[in-house]
Amino acid sequence: GSARWDAGSLGVPARVGELSADVGLNAFFVEIGWSIDIFGPLYIR
């Protein structure tokens, strides 16, 4: 993703103007789910 802030919100001198950032996050995830048939091949989870 990307984000924008005013310089002062990150402790940078206000004369710098607007700050923009490109951000990449690496994460892991786990889930416990349940598949429930609702009609023919359709299901909810």
PDB file of all heavy atoms in Angstrom:
ATOM      1  N   GLY A   1       0.815  -1.205   0.000  1.00  0.00           N
ATOM      2  CA  GLY A   1       0.000   0.000   0.000  1.00  0.00           C
ATOM      3  C   GLY A   1       0.842   1.245   0.000  1.00  0.00           C
ATOM      4  O   GLY A   1       2.074   1.202  -0.029  1.00  0.00           O
ATOM      5  N   SER A   2       0.164   2.370   0.043  1.00  0.00           N
ATOM      6  CA  SER A   2       0.826   3.667   0.108  1.00  0.00           C
ATOM      7  C   SER A   2       0.052   4.541   1.088  1.00  0.00           C
ATOM      8  O   SER A   2      -1.119   4.283   1.386  1.00  0.00           O
ATOM      9  CB  SER A   2       0.884   4.333  -1.267  1.00  0.00           C
ATOM     10  OG  SER A   2      -0.430   4.516  -1.780  1.00  0.00           O
ATOM     11  N   ALA A   3       0.711   5.554   1.609  1.00  0.00           N
ATOM     12  CA  ALA A   3       0.088   6.433   2.590  1.00  0.00           C
ATOM     13  C   ALA A   3       0.666   7.836   2.467  1.00  0.00           C
ATOM     14  O   ALA A   3       1.772   8.029   1.941  1.00  0.00           O
ATOM     15  CB  ALA A   3       0.318   5.889   3.995  1.00  0.00           C
ATOM     16  N   ARG A   4      -0.092   8.807   2.957  1.00  0.00           N
ATOM     17  CA  ARG A   4       0.343  10.204   2.960  1.00  0.00           C
ATOM     18  C   ARG A   4       0.078  10.804   4.331  1.00  0.00           C
ATOM     19  O   ARG A   4      -0.955  10.538   4.945  1.00  0.00           O
ATOM     20  CB  ARG A   4      -0.385  11.012   1.879  1.00  0.00           C
ATOM     21  CG  ARG A   4      -0.040  10.572   0.464  1.00  0.00           C
ATOM     22  CD  ARG A   4      -0.766  11.421  -0.576  1.00  0.00           C
ATOM     23  NE  ARG A   4      -0.463  10.964  -1.920  1.00  0.00           N
ATOM     24  CZ  ARG A   4       0.605  11.329  -2.617  1.00  0.00           C
ATOM     25  NH1 ARG A   4       1.487  12.173  -2.074  1.00  0.00           N
ATOM     26  NH2 ARG A   4       0.829  10.864  -3.824  1.00  0.00           N
ATOM     27  N   TRP A   5       1.029  11.622   4.800  1.00  0.00           N
ATOM     28  CA  TRP A   5       0.881  12.322   6.074  1.00  0.00           C
ATOM     29  C   TRP A   5       1.420  13.741   5.939  1.00  0.00           C
ATOM     30  O   TRP A   5       2.271  14.013   5.092  1.00  0.00           O
ATOM     31  CB  TRP A   5       1.676  11.636   7.186  1.00  0.00           C
ATOM     32  CG  TRP A   5       1.371  10.191   7.430  1.00  0.00           C
ATOM     33  CD1 TRP A   5       0.343   9.685   8.178  1.00  0.00           C
ATOM     34  CD2 TRP A   5       2.113   9.075   6.953  1.00  0.00           C
ATOM     35  NE1 TRP A   5       0.392   8.310   8.187  1.00  0.00           N
ATOM     36  CE2 TRP A   5       1.468   7.910   7.451  1.00  0.00           C
ATOM     37  CE3 TRP A   5       3.254   8.927   6.156  1.00  0.00           C
ATOM     38  CZ2 TRP A   5       1.932   6.628   7.169  1.00  0.00           C
ATOM     39  CZ3 TRP A   5       3.718   7.655   5.870  1.00  0.00           C
ATOM     40  CH2 TRP A   5       3.057   6.519   6.378  1.00  0.00           C
ATOM     41  N   ASP A   6       0.951  14.600   6.808  1.00  0.00           N
ATOM     42  CA  ASP A   6       1.618  15.893   6.990  1.00  0.00           C
ATOM     43  C   ASP A   6       2.944  15.644   7.691  1.00  0.00           C
ATOM     44  O   ASP A   6       3.054  14.766   8.549  1.00  0.00           O
ATOM     45  CB  ASP A   6       0.746  16.825   7.833  1.00  0.00           C
ATOM     46  CG  ASP A   6      -0.510  17.254   7.106  1.00  0.00           C
ATOM     47  OD1 ASP A   6      -0.475  17.302   5.867  1.00  0.00           O
ATOM     48  OD2 ASP A   6      -1.526  17.519   7.793  1.00  0.00           O
ATOM     49  N   ALA A   7       3.939  16.421   7.331  1.00  0.00           N
ATOM     50  CA  ALA A   7       5.278  16.204   7.881  1.00  0.00           C
ATOM     51  C   ALA A   7       5.273  16.244   9.406  1.00  0.00           C
ATOM     52  O   ALA A   7       5.938  15.437  10.065  1.00  0.00           O
ATOM     53  CB  ALA A   7       6.251  17.242   7.317  1.00  0.00           C
ATOM     54  N   GLY A   8       4.514  17.148   9.979  1.00  0.00           N
ATOM     55  CA  GLY A   8       4.519  17.281  11.421  1.00  0.00           C
ATOM     56  C   GLY A   8       4.009  16.067  12.157  1.00  0.00           C
ATOM     57  O   GLY A   8       4.383  15.821  13.312  1.00  0.00           O
ATOM     58  N   SER A   9       3.172  15.269  11.531  1.00  0.00           N
ATOM     59  CA  SER A   9       2.611  14.096  12.203  1.00  0.00           C
ATOM     60  C   SER A   9       3.651  13.014  12.437  1.00  0.00           C
ATOM     61  O   SER A   9       3.456  12.130  13.277  1.00  0.00           O
ATOM     62  CB  SER A   9       1.446  13.530  11.385  1.00  0.00           C
ATOM     63  OG  SER A   9       1.896  13.065  10.123  1.00  0.00           O
ATOM     64  N   LEU A  10       4.774  13.061  11.723  1.00  0.00           N
ATOM     65  CA  LEU A  10       5.852  12.096  11.911  1.00  0.00           C
ATOM     66  C   LEU A  10       7.096  12.749  12.505  1.00  0.00           C
ATOM     67  O   LEU A  10       8.188  12.176  12.458  1.00  0.00           O
ATOM     68  CB  LEU A  10       6.205  11.423  10.582  1.00  0.00           C
ATOM     69  CG  LEU A  10       5.117  10.544   9.956  1.00  0.00           C
ATOM     70  CD1 LEU A  10       5.624   9.910   8.674  1.00  0.00           C
ATOM     71  CD2 LEU A  10       4.655   9.470  10.922  1.00  0.00           C
ATOM     72  N   GLY A  11       6.957  13.931  13.043  1.00  0.00           N
ATOM     73  CA  GLY A  11       8.085  14.596  13.677  1.00  0.00           C
ATOM     74  C   GLY A  11       9.074  15.190  12.710  1.00  0.00           C
ATOM     75  O   GLY A  11      10.217  15.505  13.089  1.00  0.00           O
ATOM     76  N   VAL A  12       8.694  15.388  11.446  1.00  0.00           N
ATOM     77  CA  VAL A  12       9.565  15.976  10.435  1.00  0.00           C
ATOM     78  C   VAL A  12       9.220  17.469  10.330  1.00  0.00           C
ATOM     79  O   VAL A  12       8.051  17.851  10.443  1.00  0.00           O
ATOM     80  CB  VAL A  12       9.354  15.274   9.078  1.00  0.00           C
ATOM     81  CG1 VAL A  12      10.193  15.928   7.985  1.00  0.00           C
ATOM     82  CG2 VAL A  12       9.702  13.800   9.202  1.00  0.00           C
ATOM     83  N   PRO A  13      10.211  18.343  10.120  1.00  0.00           N
ATOM     84  CA  PRO A  13       9.925  19.782  10.017  1.00  0.00           C
ATOM     85  C   PRO A  13       8.821  20.077   9.009  1.00  0.00           C
ATOM     86  O   PRO A  13       8.767  19.485   7.926  1.00  0.00           O
ATOM     87  CB  PRO A  13      11.267  20.388   9.579  1.00  0.00           C
ATOM     88  CG  PRO A  13      12.284  19.430  10.109  1.00  0.00           C
ATOM     89  CD  PRO A  13      11.661  18.086  10.020  1.00  0.00           C
ATOM     90  N   ALA A  14       7.938  20.988   9.366  1.00  0.00           N
ATOM     91  CA  ALA A  14       6.775  21.280   8.538  1.00  0.00           C
ATOM     92  C   ALA A  14       7.158  21.773   7.145  1.00  0.00           C
ATOM     93  O   ALA A  14       6.395  21.603   6.181  1.00  0.00           O
ATOM     94  CB  ALA A  14       5.881  22.305   9.245  1.00  0.00           C
ATOM     95  N   ARG A  15       8.335  22.427   7.008  1.00  0.00           N
ATOM     96  CA  ARG A  15       8.743  22.947   5.697  1.00  0.00           C
ATOM     97  C   ARG A  15       8.955  21.840   4.675  1.00  0.00           C
ATOM     98  O   ARG A  15       8.984  22.109   3.466  1.00  0.00           O
ATOM     99  CB  ARG A  15      10.028  23.762   5.849  1.00  0.00           C
ATOM    100  CG  ARG A  15      11.226  22.953   6.322  1.00  0.00           C
ATOM    101  CD  ARG A  15      12.440  23.854   6.539  1.00  0.00           C
ATOM    102  NE  ARG A  15      13.584  23.122   7.066  1.00  0.00           N
ATOM    103  CZ  ARG A  15      14.427  22.412   6.326  1.00  0.00           C
ATOM    104  NH1 ARG A  15      14.246  22.349   5.006  1.00  0.00           N
ATOM    105  NH2 ARG A  15      15.442  21.785   6.884  1.00  0.00           N
ATOM    106  N   VAL A  16       9.115  20.602   5.144  1.00  0.00           N
ATOM    107  CA  VAL A  16       9.286  19.487   4.207  1.00  0.00           C
ATOM    108  C   VAL A  16       8.016  19.258   3.402  1.00  0.00           C
ATOM    109  O   VAL A  16       8.045  18.762   2.283  1.00  0.00           O
ATOM    110  CB  VAL A  16       9.695  18.214   4.986  1.00  0.00           C
ATOM    111  CG1 VAL A  16       9.732  17.002   4.075  1.00  0.00           C
ATOM    112  CG2 VAL A  16      11.039  18.420   5.646  1.00  0.00           C
ATOM    113  N   GLY A  17       6.883  19.652   3.977  1.00  0.00           N
ATOM    114  CA  GLY A  17       5.621  19.502   3.264  1.00  0.00           C
ATOM    115  C   GLY A  17       4.985  18.143   3.513  1.00  0.00           C
ATOM    116  O   GLY A  17       5.127  17.550   4.581  1.00  0.00           O
ATOM    117  N   GLU A  18       4.301  17.641   2.509  1.00  0.00           N
ATOM    118  CA  GLU A  18       3.593  16.361   2.656  1.00  0.00           C
ATOM    119  C   GLU A  18       4.550  15.191   2.489  1.00  0.00           C
ATOM    120  O   GLU A  18       5.428  15.207   1.623  1.00  0.00           O
ATOM    121  CB  GLU A  18       2.470  16.261   1.623  1.00  0.00           C
ATOM    122  CG  GLU A  18       1.578  15.036   1.800  1.00  0.00           C
ATOM    123  CD  GLU A  18       0.471  14.978   0.764  1.00  0.00           C
ATOM    124  OE1 GLU A  18       0.798  14.933  -0.449  1.00  0.00           O
ATOM    125  OE2 GLU A  18      -0.705  14.978   1.165  1.00  0.00           O
ATOM    126  N   LEU A  19       4.382  14.188   3.313  1.00  0.00           N
ATOM    127  CA  LEU A  19       5.160  12.958   3.216  1.00  0.00           C
ATOM    128  C   LEU A  19       4.325  11.867   2.576  1.00  0.00           C
ATOM    129  O   LEU A  19       3.125  11.733   2.837  1.00  0.00           O
ATOM    130  CB  LEU A  19       5.601  12.493   4.609  1.00  0.00           C
ATOM    131  CG  LEU A  19       6.469  13.436   5.426  1.00  0.00           C
ATOM    132  CD1 LEU A  19       6.778  12.802   6.780  1.00  0.00           C
ATOM    133  CD2 LEU A  19       7.754  13.763   4.683  1.00  0.00           C
ATOM    134  N   SER A  20       4.952  11.072   1.737  1.00  0.00           N
ATOM    135  CA  SER A  20       4.289   9.914   1.143  1.00  0.00           C
ATOM    136  C   SER A  20       5.159   8.687   1.367  1.00  0.00           C
ATOM    137  O   SER A  20       6.390   8.794   1.446  1.00  0.00           O
ATOM    138  CB  SER A  20       4.035  10.114  -0.348  1.00  0.00           C
ATOM    139  OG  SER A  20       5.263  10.314  -1.043  1.00  0.00           O
ATOM    140  N   ALA A  21       4.524   7.552   1.487  1.00  0.00           N
ATOM    141  CA  ALA A  21       5.272   6.321   1.769  1.00  0.00           C
ATOM    142  C   ALA A  21       4.718   5.177   0.949  1.00  0.00           C
ATOM    143  O   ALA A  21       3.506   5.068   0.723  1.00  0.00           O
ATOM    144  CB  ALA A  21       5.190   5.982   3.257  1.00  0.00           C
ATOM    145  N   ASP A  22       5.620   4.339   0.496  1.00  0.00           N
ATOM    146  CA  ASP A  22       5.269   3.046  -0.090  1.00  0.00           C
ATOM    147  C   ASP A  22       5.620   1.981   0.931  1.00  0.00           C
ATOM    148  O   ASP A  22       6.739   1.944   1.445  1.00  0.00           O
ATOM    149  CB  ASP A  22       6.030   2.799  -1.391  1.00  0.00           C
ATOM    150  CG  ASP A  22       5.620   3.760  -2.493  1.00  0.00           C
ATOM    151  OD1 ASP A  22       4.416   4.037  -2.594  1.00  0.00           O
ATOM    152  OD2 ASP A  22       6.503   4.247  -3.213  1.00  0.00           O
ATOM    153  N   VAL A  23       4.652   1.113   1.215  1.00  0.00           N
ATOM    154  CA  VAL A  23       4.806   0.152   2.301  1.00  0.00           C
ATOM    155  C   VAL A  23       4.526  -1.255   1.786  1.00  0.00           C
ATOM    156  O   VAL A  23       3.530  -1.497   1.094  1.00  0.00           O
ATOM    157  CB  VAL A  23       3.852   0.481   3.469  1.00  0.00           C
ATOM    158  CG1 VAL A  23       4.029  -0.520   4.593  1.00  0.00           C
ATOM    159  CG2 VAL A  23       4.098   1.897   3.964  1.00  0.00           C
ATOM    160  N   GLY A  24       5.405  -2.194   2.121  1.00  0.00           N
ATOM    161  CA  GLY A  24       5.179  -3.610   1.858  1.00  0.00           C
ATOM    162  C   GLY A  24       5.294  -4.389   3.153  1.00  0.00           C
ATOM    163  O   GLY A  24       6.301  -4.268   3.866  1.00  0.00           O
ATOM    164  N   LEU A  25       4.267  -5.153   3.471  1.00  0.00           N
ATOM    165  CA  LEU A  25       4.243  -5.907   4.724  1.00  0.00           C
ATOM    166  C   LEU A  25       4.232  -7.397   4.426  1.00  0.00           C
ATOM    167  O   LEU A  25       3.471  -7.866   3.574  1.00  0.00           O
ATOM    168  CB  LEU A  25       2.998  -5.552   5.550  1.00  0.00           C
ATOM    169  CG  LEU A  25       2.742  -4.068   5.821  1.00  0.00           C
ATOM    170  CD1 LEU A  25       1.470  -3.905   6.641  1.00  0.00           C
ATOM    171  CD2 LEU A  25       3.929  -3.429   6.520  1.00  0.00           C
ATOM    172  N   ASN A  26       5.089  -8.132   5.121  1.00  0.00           N
ATOM    173  CA  ASN A  26       5.069  -9.592   5.068  1.00  0.00           C
ATOM    174  C   ASN A  26       4.406 -10.106   6.345  1.00  0.00           C
ATOM    175  O   ASN A  26       4.783  -9.713   7.455  1.00  0.00           O
ATOM    176  CB  ASN A  26       6.486 -10.150   4.965  1.00  0.00           C
ATOM    177  CG  ASN A  26       7.192  -9.689   3.712  1.00  0.00           C
ATOM    178  OD1 ASN A  26       6.656  -9.808   2.609  1.00  0.00           O
ATOM    179  ND2 ASN A  26       8.384  -9.154   3.860  1.00  0.00           N
ATOM    180  N   ALA A  27       3.419 -10.974   6.190  1.00  0.00           N
ATOM    181  CA  ALA A  27       2.657 -11.451   7.343  1.00  0.00           C
ATOM    182  C   ALA A  27       2.336 -12.927   7.181  1.00  0.00           C
ATOM    183  O   ALA A  27       2.387 -13.477   6.077  1.00  0.00           O
ATOM    184  CB  ALA A  27       1.363 -10.646   7.495  1.00  0.00           C
ATOM    185  N   PHE A  28       2.012 -13.569   8.292  1.00  0.00           N
ATOM    186  CA  PHE A  28       1.457 -14.910   8.227  1.00  0.00           C
ATOM    187  C   PHE A  28       0.053 -14.867   8.819  1.00  0.00           C
ATOM    188  O   PHE A  28      -0.289 -13.968   9.612  1.00  0.00           O
ATOM    189  CB  PHE A  28       2.334 -15.927   8.969  1.00  0.00           C
ATOM    190  CG  PHE A  28       2.266 -15.840  10.473  1.00  0.00           C
ATOM    191  CD1 PHE A  28       1.273 -16.515  11.181  1.00  0.00           C
ATOM    192  CD2 PHE A  28       3.201 -15.106  11.181  1.00  0.00           C
ATOM    193  CE1 PHE A  28       1.214 -16.439  12.561  1.00  0.00           C
ATOM    194  CE2 PHE A  28       3.145 -15.023  12.565  1.00  0.00           C
ATOM    195  CZ  PHE A  28       2.145 -15.700  13.258  1.00  0.00           C
ATOM    196  N   PHE A  29      -0.771 -15.815   8.417  1.00  0.00           N
ATOM    197  CA  PHE A  29      -2.132 -15.865   8.927  1.00  0.00           C
ATOM    198  C   PHE A  29      -2.531 -17.307   9.202  1.00  0.00           C
ATOM    199  O   PHE A  29      -2.014 -18.251   8.586  1.00  0.00           O
ATOM    200  CB  PHE A  29      -3.124 -15.237   7.927  1.00  0.00           C
ATOM    201  CG  PHE A  29      -3.328 -16.029   6.673  1.00  0.00           C
ATOM    202  CD1 PHE A  29      -4.358 -16.959   6.566  1.00  0.00           C
ATOM    203  CD2 PHE A  29      -2.485 -15.868   5.587  1.00  0.00           C
ATOM    204  CE1 PHE A  29      -4.543 -17.699   5.406  1.00  0.00           C
ATOM    205  CE2 PHE A  29      -2.653 -16.605   4.420  1.00  0.00           C
ATOM    206  CZ  PHE A  29      -3.693 -17.521   4.329  1.00  0.00           C
ATOM    207  N   VAL A  30      -3.442 -17.490  10.133  1.00  0.00           N
ATOM    208  CA  VAL A  30      -4.057 -18.781  10.414  1.00  0.00           C
ATOM    209  C   VAL A  30      -5.555 -18.554  10.542  1.00  0.00           C
ATOM    210  O   VAL A  30      -6.006 -17.486  10.977  1.00  0.00           O
ATOM    211  CB  VAL A  30      -3.501 -19.428  11.699  1.00  0.00           C
ATOM    212  CG1 VAL A  30      -2.054 -19.818  11.527  1.00  0.00           C
ATOM    213  CG2 VAL A  30      -3.664 -18.500  12.895  1.00  0.00           C
ATOM    214  N   GLU A  31      -6.335 -19.575  10.163  1.00  0.00           N
ATOM    215  CA  GLU A  31      -7.787 -19.492  10.256  1.00  0.00           C
ATOM    216  C   GLU A  31      -8.368 -20.846  10.612  1.00  0.00           C
ATOM    217  O   GLU A  31      -7.850 -21.891  10.179  1.00  0.00           O
ATOM    218  CB  GLU A  31      -8.411 -19.036   8.931  1.00  0.00           C
ATOM    219  CG  GLU A  31      -8.410 -17.559   8.699  1.00  0.00           C
ATOM    220  CD  GLU A  31      -9.253 -17.164   7.500  1.00  0.00           C
ATOM    221  OE1 GLU A  31      -9.456 -18.005   6.598  1.00  0.00           O
ATOM    222  OE2 GLU A  31      -9.708 -16.018   7.454  1.00  0.00           O
ATOM    223  N   ILE A  32      -9.460 -20.826  11.355  1.00  0.00           N
ATOM    224  CA  ILE A  32     -10.302 -21.988  11.577  1.00  0.00           C
ATOM    225  C   ILE A  32     -11.674 -21.653  10.998  1.00  0.00           C
ATOM    226  O   ILE A  32     -12.321 -20.687  11.431  1.00  0.00           O
ATOM    227  CB  ILE A  32     -10.436 -22.330  13.080  1.00  0.00           C
ATOM    228  CG1 ILE A  32      -9.060 -22.603  13.689  1.00  0.00           C
ATOM    229  CG2 ILE A  32     -11.355 -23.533  13.270  1.00  0.00           C
ATOM    230  CD1 ILE A  32      -8.349 -23.795  13.121  1.00  0.00           C
ATOM    231  N   GLY A  33     -12.104 -22.412  10.018  1.00  0.00           N
ATOM    232  CA  GLY A  33     -13.366 -22.140   9.339  1.00  0.00           C
ATOM    233  C   GLY A  33     -14.281 -23.343   9.309  1.00  0.00           C
ATOM    234  O   GLY A  33     -13.932 -24.442   9.776  1.00  0.00           O
ATOM    235  N   TRP A  34     -15.467 -23.129   8.735  1.00  0.00           N
ATOM    236  CA  TRP A  34     -16.468 -24.194   8.630  1.00  0.00           C
ATOM    237  C   TRP A  34     -17.236 -24.004   7.330  1.00  0.00           C
ATOM    238  O   TRP A  34     -17.846 -22.961   7.108  1.00  0.00           O
ATOM    239  CB  TRP A  34     -17.434 -24.145   9.815  1.00  0.00           C
ATOM    240  CG  TRP A  34     -18.229 -25.407   9.985  1.00  0.00           C
ATOM    241  CD1 TRP A  34     -19.258 -25.853   9.201  1.00  0.00           C
ATOM    242  CD2 TRP A  34     -18.052 -26.402  10.998  1.00  0.00           C
ATOM    243  NE1 TRP A  34     -19.735 -27.041   9.658  1.00  0.00           N
ATOM    244  CE2 TRP A  34     -19.022 -27.405  10.766  1.00  0.00           C
ATOM    245  CE3 TRP A  34     -17.181 -26.525  12.084  1.00  0.00           C
ATOM    246  CZ2 TRP A  34     -19.126 -28.535  11.574  1.00  0.00           C
ATOM    247  CZ3 TRP A  34     -17.291 -27.639  12.885  1.00  0.00           C
ATOM    248  CH2 TRP A  34     -18.248 -28.625  12.644  1.00  0.00           C
ATOM    249  N   SER A  35     -17.206 -25.019   6.444  1.00  0.00           N
ATOM    250  CA  SER A  35     -17.934 -24.964   5.176  1.00  0.00           C
ATOM    251  C   SER A  35     -19.346 -25.495   5.368  1.00  0.00           C
ATOM    252  O   SER A  35     -19.525 -26.619   5.855  1.00  0.00           O
ATOM    253  CB  SER A  35     -17.211 -25.775   4.101  1.00  0.00           C
ATOM    254  OG  SER A  35     -15.965 -25.200   3.777  1.00  0.00           O
ATOM    255  N   ILE A  36     -20.335 -24.699   4.973  1.00  0.00           N
ATOM    256  CA  ILE A  36     -21.745 -25.050   5.153  1.00  0.00           C
ATOM    257  C   ILE A  36     -22.436 -24.978   3.804  1.00  0.00           C
ATOM    258  O   ILE A  36     -22.475 -23.915   3.173  1.00  0.00           O
ATOM    259  CB  ILE A  36     -22.428 -24.093   6.145  1.00  0.00           C
ATOM    260  CG1 ILE A  36     -21.683 -24.075   7.484  1.00  0.00           C
ATOM    261  CG2 ILE A  36     -23.890 -24.478   6.352  1.00  0.00           C
ATOM    262  CD1 ILE A  36     -22.140 -22.976   8.418  1.00  0.00           C
ATOM    263  N   ASP A  37     -22.972 -26.108   3.323  1.00  0.00           N
ATOM    264  CA  ASP A  37     -23.702 -26.118   2.061  1.00  0.00           C
ATOM    265  C   ASP A  37     -25.002 -25.333   2.200  1.00  0.00           C
ATOM    266  O   ASP A  37     -25.704 -25.436   3.217  1.00  0.00           O
ATOM    267  CB  ASP A  37     -24.029 -27.553   1.647  1.00  0.00           C
ATOM    268  CG  ASP A  37     -22.798 -28.306   1.185  1.00  0.00           C
ATOM    269  OD1 ASP A  37     -21.755 -27.663   1.024  1.00  0.00           O
ATOM    270  OD2 ASP A  37     -22.886 -29.528   0.994  1.00  0.00           O
ATOM    271  N   ILE A  38     -25.340 -24.559   1.142  1.00  0.00           N
ATOM    272  CA  ILE A  38     -26.597 -23.813   1.171  1.00  0.00           C
ATOM    273  C   ILE A  38     -27.513 -24.177   0.010  1.00  0.00           C
ATOM    274  O   ILE A  38     -28.727 -24.217   0.168  1.00  0.00           O
ATOM    275  CB  ILE A  38     -26.339 -22.298   1.196  1.00  0.00           C
ATOM    276  CG1 ILE A  38     -25.445 -21.871   0.023  1.00  0.00           C
ATOM    277  CG2 ILE A  38     -25.729 -21.877   2.515  1.00  0.00           C
ATOM    278  CD1 ILE A  38     -25.266 -20.359  -0.072  1.00  0.00           C
ATOM    279  N   PHE A  39     -26.971 -24.478  -1.171  1.00  0.00           N
ATOM    280  CA  PHE A  39     -27.808 -24.861  -2.307  1.00  0.00           C
ATOM    281  C   PHE A  39     -26.910 -25.406  -3.408  1.00  0.00           C
ATOM    282  O   PHE A  39     -26.049 -24.685  -3.921  1.00  0.00           O
ATOM    283  CB  PHE A  39     -28.607 -23.663  -2.826  1.00  0.00           C
ATOM    284  CG  PHE A  39     -29.473 -23.997  -4.013  1.00  0.00           C
ATOM    285  CD1 PHE A  39     -30.646 -24.714  -3.855  1.00  0.00           C
ATOM    286  CD2 PHE A  39     -29.096 -23.605  -5.287  1.00  0.00           C
ATOM    287  CE1 PHE A  39     -31.435 -25.028  -4.949  1.00  0.00           C
ATOM    288  CE2 PHE A  39     -29.875 -23.919  -6.385  1.00  0.00           C
ATOM    289  CZ  PHE A  39     -31.058 -24.628  -6.214  1.00  0.00           C
ATOM    290  N   GLY A  40     -27.113 -26.676  -3.773  1.00  0.00           N
ATOM    291  CA  GLY A  40     -26.320 -27.267  -4.846  1.00  0.00           C
ATOM    292  C   GLY A  40     -24.836 -27.140  -4.560  1.00  0.00           C
ATOM    293  O   GLY A  40     -24.367 -27.522  -3.488  1.00  0.00           O
ATOM    294  N   PRO A  41     -24.076 -26.563  -5.510  1.00  0.00           N
ATOM    295  CA  PRO A  41     -22.621 -26.427  -5.300  1.00  0.00           C
ATOM    296  C   PRO A  41     -22.242 -25.221  -4.448  1.00  0.00           C
ATOM    297  O   PRO A  41     -21.073 -25.014  -4.182  1.00  0.00           O
ATOM    298  CB  PRO A  41     -22.090 -26.261  -6.725  1.00  0.00           C
ATOM    299  CG  PRO A  41     -23.196 -25.564  -7.445  1.00  0.00           C
ATOM    300  CD  PRO A  41     -24.477 -26.122  -6.858  1.00  0.00           C
ATOM    301  N   LEU A  42     -23.199 -24.425  -4.019  1.00  0.00           N
ATOM    302  CA  LEU A  42     -22.905 -23.202  -3.278  1.00  0.00           C
ATOM    303  C   LEU A  42     -22.728 -23.488  -1.785  1.00  0.00           C
ATOM    304  O   LEU A  42     -23.399 -24.355  -1.224  1.00  0.00           O
ATOM    305  CB  LEU A  42     -24.023 -22.180  -3.464  1.00  0.00           C
ATOM    306  CG  LEU A  42     -24.324 -21.765  -4.909  1.00  0.00           C
ATOM    307  CD1 LEU A  42     -25.463 -20.756  -4.936  1.00  0.00           C
ATOM    308  CD2 LEU A  42     -23.090 -21.191  -5.587  1.00  0.00           C
ATOM    309  N   TYR A  43     -21.846 -22.744  -1.165  1.00  0.00           N
ATOM    310  CA  TYR A  43     -21.619 -22.894   0.270  1.00  0.00           C
ATOM    311  C   TYR A  43     -21.212 -21.560   0.875  1.00  0.00           C
ATOM    312  O   TYR A  43     -20.798 -20.633   0.166  1.00  0.00           O
ATOM    313  CB  TYR A  43     -20.529 -23.941   0.542  1.00  0.00           C
ATOM    314  CG  TYR A  43     -19.144 -23.540   0.094  1.00  0.00           C
ATOM    315  CD1 TYR A  43     -18.254 -22.902   0.959  1.00  0.00           C
ATOM    316  CD2 TYR A  43     -18.714 -23.786  -1.206  1.00  0.00           C
ATOM    317  CE1 TYR A  43     -16.986 -22.527   0.547  1.00  0.00           C
ATOM    318  CE2 TYR A  43     -17.443 -23.421  -1.631  1.00  0.00           C
ATOM    319  CZ  TYR A  43     -16.584 -22.788  -0.747  1.00  0.00           C
ATOM    320  OH  TYR A  43     -15.334 -22.408  -1.162  1.00  0.00           O
ATOM    321  N   ILE A  44     -21.327 -21.451   2.192  1.00  0.00           N
ATOM    322  CA  ILE A  44     -20.806 -20.295   2.920  1.00  0.00           C
ATOM    323  C   ILE A  44     -19.749 -20.793   3.890  1.00  0.00           C
ATOM    324  O   ILE A  44     -19.734 -21.967   4.271  1.00  0.00           O
ATOM    325  CB  ILE A  44     -21.910 -19.518   3.659  1.00  0.00           C
ATOM    326  CG1 ILE A  44     -22.620 -20.427   4.671  1.00  0.00           C
ATOM    327  CG2 ILE A  44     -22.886 -18.908   2.688  1.00  0.00           C
ATOM    328  CD1 ILE A  44     -23.610 -19.684   5.540  1.00  0.00           C
ATOM    329  N   ARG A  45     -18.863 -19.862   4.294  1.00  0.00           N
ATOM    330  CA  ARG A  45     -17.739 -20.251   5.150  1.00  0.00           C
ATOM    331  C   ARG A  45     -17.442 -19.143   6.159  1.00  0.00           C
ATOM    332  O   ARG A  45     -16.740 -18.185   5.850  1.00  0.00           O
ATOM    333  CB  ARG A  45     -16.504 -20.524   4.308  1.00  0.00           C
ATOM    334  CG  ARG A  45     -15.244 -20.866   5.124  1.00  0.00           C
ATOM    335  CD  ARG A  45     -14.039 -20.938   4.217  1.00  0.00           C
ATOM    336  NE  ARG A  45     -12.814 -21.194   4.937  1.00  0.00           N
ATOM    337  CZ  ARG A  45     -12.030 -20.253   5.472  1.00  0.00           C
ATOM    338  NH1 ARG A  45     -12.361 -18.977   5.359  1.00  0.00           N
ATOM    339  NH2 ARG A  45     -10.916 -20.583   6.109  1.00  0.00           N
TER     340      ARG A  45
END
